[in-house]
């Protein structure tokens, strides 16, 4: 199948996500899942790794308090990152590994190399392989399943609604891919 590349980043289908994930070592799988299922910007993710207490499993979200969002153009200075059911499980596993001292910060360049290595082993296309693809994939998946919940998706992701409409509303996922995506996003923001 032809890859979906938008704004220089590959948008993964669930099958591609699984294939790439299968080629990562166990610790890198935890990081990959954390990046995918939160959709945080890379720097936000690593700040969360330093502060696992920001995770609120009973309410299914990660809090990004003031000072954690460093992007200059970011309109929100703090936000709540809503999680799906799969996301809650992934972040619980990540936080457990953090507390055991198993997760260390990886530079963006180093993380890109890990992704490229895994994608090569998984025989995925190389075009658009970038650390940003985790965030872009997650937003795309949310918009594919919950297009009418764009305001909450925008707030959770730290986007404005115009960005969601221009960049993520009309990506060409096949119907069977949308059904697979639904399994990953189920429970996000209280949705079924």
Protein backbone atom coordinates (compact mmCIF):
# COMPACT_ATOMS: atom_id res chain seq x y z
CA UNK A 1 0.00 0.00 0.00
CA UNK A 2 1.19 3.54 -0.68
CA UNK A 3 2.32 5.49 2.36
CA UNK A 4 0.55 8.63 3.52
CA UNK A 5 3.06 11.47 3.82
CA UNK A 6 1.78 14.87 4.82
CA UNK A 7 3.89 17.94 5.63
CA UNK A 8 7.04 15.86 5.43
CA UNK A 9 5.92 13.27 7.99
CA UNK A 10 4.65 9.78 7.36
CA UNK A 11 1.18 9.14 8.79
CA UNK A 12 1.09 5.51 9.82
CA UNK A 13 -1.76 3.09 9.44
CA UNK A 14 -2.33 0.75 12.39
CA UNK A 15 -0.61 -2.09 10.50
CA UNK A 16 2.45 0.10 9.86
CA UNK A 17 2.48 1.24 13.51
CA UNK A 18 2.45 -2.43 14.62
CA UNK A 19 5.18 -3.45 12.17
CA UNK A 20 7.46 -0.63 13.26
CA UNK A 21 6.73 -1.21 16.95
CA UNK A 22 7.57 -4.91 16.64
CA UNK A 23 11.12 -3.99 15.56
CA UNK A 24 11.88 -1.79 18.59
CA UNK A 25 13.47 -3.08 21.77
CA UNK A 26 11.15 -3.27 24.83
CA UNK A 27 12.17 0.11 26.27
CA UNK A 28 11.88 1.84 22.91
CA UNK A 29 8.41 0.28 22.50
CA UNK A 30 7.35 1.98 25.73
CA UNK A 31 8.69 5.31 24.45
CA UNK A 32 7.09 4.81 21.02
CA UNK A 33 3.71 3.99 22.55
CA UNK A 34 4.00 6.96 24.89
CA UNK A 35 4.72 9.29 21.99
CA UNK A 36 1.98 7.84 19.80
CA UNK A 37 -0.82 7.62 22.36
CA UNK A 38 -0.26 11.04 23.90
CA UNK A 39 0.55 12.88 20.69
CA UNK A 40 2.80 15.18 22.70
CA UNK A 41 5.50 17.20 21.03
CA UNK A 42 8.91 15.58 21.50
CA UNK A 43 10.13 18.04 24.13
CA UNK A 44 6.80 17.86 26.02
CA UNK A 45 7.10 14.08 26.08
CA UNK A 46 10.58 14.16 27.60
CA UNK A 47 9.49 16.71 30.19
CA UNK A 48 6.65 14.33 31.10
CA UNK A 49 9.20 11.49 31.45
CA UNK A 50 10.95 13.70 34.03
CA UNK A 51 7.59 14.25 35.79
CA UNK A 52 5.54 11.04 35.69
CA UNK A 53 3.38 12.47 38.47
CA UNK A 54 1.62 14.48 35.73
CA UNK A 55 -0.19 11.26 34.74
CA UNK A 56 -3.72 10.97 36.14
CA UNK A 57 -4.86 7.40 35.38
CA UNK A 58 -8.25 7.67 37.12
CA UNK A 59 -9.22 10.54 34.80
CA UNK A 60 -7.32 9.26 31.73
CA UNK A 61 -5.11 12.26 31.06
CA UNK A 62 -1.62 13.68 31.35
CA UNK A 63 -1.34 17.19 32.72
CA UNK A 64 1.11 19.53 31.03
CA UNK A 65 1.37 22.39 33.54
CA UNK A 66 2.70 25.88 32.92
CA UNK A 67 6.36 25.73 31.98
CA UNK A 68 6.15 22.30 30.36
CA UNK A 69 5.17 23.59 26.92
CA UNK A 70 8.21 25.27 25.42
CA UNK A 71 7.11 25.78 21.80
CA UNK A 72 7.35 29.51 21.18
CA UNK A 73 4.28 29.68 18.92
CA UNK A 74 2.13 27.52 21.23
CA UNK A 75 -1.12 29.28 22.06
CA UNK A 76 -1.74 27.17 25.16
CA UNK A 77 0.74 27.41 28.02
CA UNK A 78 -0.77 24.43 29.83
CA UNK A 79 -3.16 21.67 28.80
CA UNK A 80 -4.63 18.30 29.59
CA UNK A 81 -3.64 15.54 27.15
CA UNK A 82 -6.60 13.17 26.97
CA UNK A 83 -5.87 9.46 26.61
CA UNK A 84 -7.64 6.52 25.03
CA UNK A 85 -8.03 3.21 26.86
CA UNK A 86 -4.94 1.89 25.06
CA UNK A 87 -3.16 5.15 25.90
CA UNK A 88 -3.85 4.78 29.62
CA UNK A 89 -2.37 1.27 29.58
CA UNK A 90 0.65 2.47 27.56
CA UNK A 91 1.33 5.35 29.94
CA UNK A 92 0.93 3.13 33.01
CA UNK A 93 3.58 0.81 31.55
CA UNK A 94 5.82 3.77 30.67
CA UNK A 95 5.50 5.30 34.14
CA UNK A 96 6.34 1.96 35.77
CA UNK A 97 9.48 1.72 33.62
CA UNK A 98 10.39 5.34 34.45
CA UNK A 99 10.09 4.61 38.16
CA UNK A 100 12.36 1.56 37.74
CA UNK A 101 14.94 3.81 36.01
CA UNK A 102 14.62 2.03 32.66
CA UNK A 103 13.74 5.07 30.51
CA UNK A 104 16.35 7.66 29.66
CA UNK A 105 16.05 10.67 27.42
CA UNK A 106 17.06 10.08 23.80
CA UNK A 107 18.05 12.99 21.57
CA UNK A 108 15.75 13.76 18.65
CA UNK A 109 18.49 12.67 16.23
CA UNK A 110 19.05 9.46 18.17
CA UNK A 111 15.32 8.74 18.27
CA UNK A 112 15.06 9.31 14.52
CA UNK A 113 17.86 6.77 14.01
CA UNK A 114 15.95 4.25 16.14
CA UNK A 115 12.82 4.81 14.06
CA UNK A 116 14.71 4.47 10.77
CA UNK A 117 16.38 1.24 11.96
CA UNK A 118 13.03 -0.24 13.03
CA UNK A 119 11.28 0.89 9.84
CA UNK A 120 14.05 -0.64 7.73
CA UNK A 121 13.66 -3.99 9.52
CA UNK A 122 9.87 -3.70 9.14
CA UNK A 123 10.30 -2.95 5.43
CA UNK A 124 8.36 0.30 5.68
CA UNK A 125 8.86 3.19 3.25
CA UNK A 126 11.57 5.61 4.33
CA UNK A 127 9.86 8.75 3.09
CA UNK A 128 8.67 10.97 5.94
CA UNK A 129 10.24 9.00 8.79
CA UNK A 130 10.62 11.57 11.52
CA UNK A 131 10.01 11.70 15.28
CA UNK A 132 7.11 14.09 14.56
CA UNK A 133 5.23 11.30 12.80
CA UNK A 134 4.04 9.88 16.14
CA UNK A 135 2.18 13.11 16.98
CA UNK A 136 0.89 13.56 13.44
CA UNK A 137 -0.26 9.93 13.29
CA UNK A 138 -2.17 10.24 16.57
CA UNK A 139 -3.96 13.46 15.59
CA UNK A 140 -4.83 11.89 12.24
CA UNK A 141 -6.25 8.80 13.93
CA UNK A 142 -8.35 10.89 16.32
CA UNK A 143 -9.73 13.00 13.49
CA UNK A 144 -10.42 9.89 11.38
CA UNK A 145 -12.68 8.45 14.10
CA UNK A 146 -13.95 11.54 15.97
CA UNK A 147 -14.12 14.32 13.34
CA UNK A 148 -16.95 16.10 15.17
CA UNK A 149 -14.89 16.28 18.38
CA UNK A 150 -12.33 18.62 16.82
CA UNK A 151 -12.50 21.26 19.55
CA UNK A 152 -11.46 18.79 22.26
CA UNK A 153 -8.85 17.18 20.00
CA UNK A 154 -7.40 20.63 19.30
CA UNK A 155 -7.33 21.50 23.01
CA UNK A 156 -5.75 18.17 23.96
CA UNK A 157 -3.10 18.43 21.25
CA UNK A 158 -2.34 22.12 21.69
CA UNK A 159 -3.54 22.99 18.17
CA UNK A 160 -6.05 25.49 16.95
CA UNK A 161 -9.10 24.15 15.13
CA UNK A 162 -7.97 25.66 11.82
CA UNK A 163 -4.84 23.49 11.92
CA UNK A 164 -6.96 20.37 12.47
CA UNK A 165 -9.25 21.18 9.55
CA UNK A 166 -6.44 22.13 7.16
CA UNK A 167 -4.09 19.29 8.04
CA UNK A 168 -5.92 16.32 9.50
CA UNK A 169 -9.59 16.17 8.58
CA UNK A 170 -9.38 14.56 5.16
CA UNK A 171 -6.58 12.00 5.21
CA UNK A 172 -7.16 8.97 2.96
CA UNK A 173 -7.49 6.04 5.36
CA UNK A 174 -9.28 2.98 3.96
CA UNK A 175 -12.41 1.79 5.75
CA UNK A 176 -10.66 -1.26 7.24
CA UNK A 177 -7.90 1.04 8.54
CA UNK A 178 -10.50 3.28 10.20
CA UNK A 179 -11.92 0.22 11.95
CA UNK A 180 -8.44 -0.73 13.18
CA UNK A 181 -7.82 2.87 14.28
CA UNK A 182 -11.06 2.78 16.28
CA UNK A 183 -9.55 0.07 18.53
CA UNK A 184 -6.63 2.36 19.43
CA UNK A 185 -8.65 5.54 20.02
CA UNK A 186 -11.57 3.93 21.87
CA UNK A 187 -12.22 5.66 25.18
CA UNK A 188 -10.39 8.86 24.20
CA UNK A 189 -12.04 11.77 26.01
CA UNK A 190 -14.81 9.47 27.25
CA UNK A 191 -15.81 8.37 23.73
CA UNK A 192 -16.81 4.77 23.08
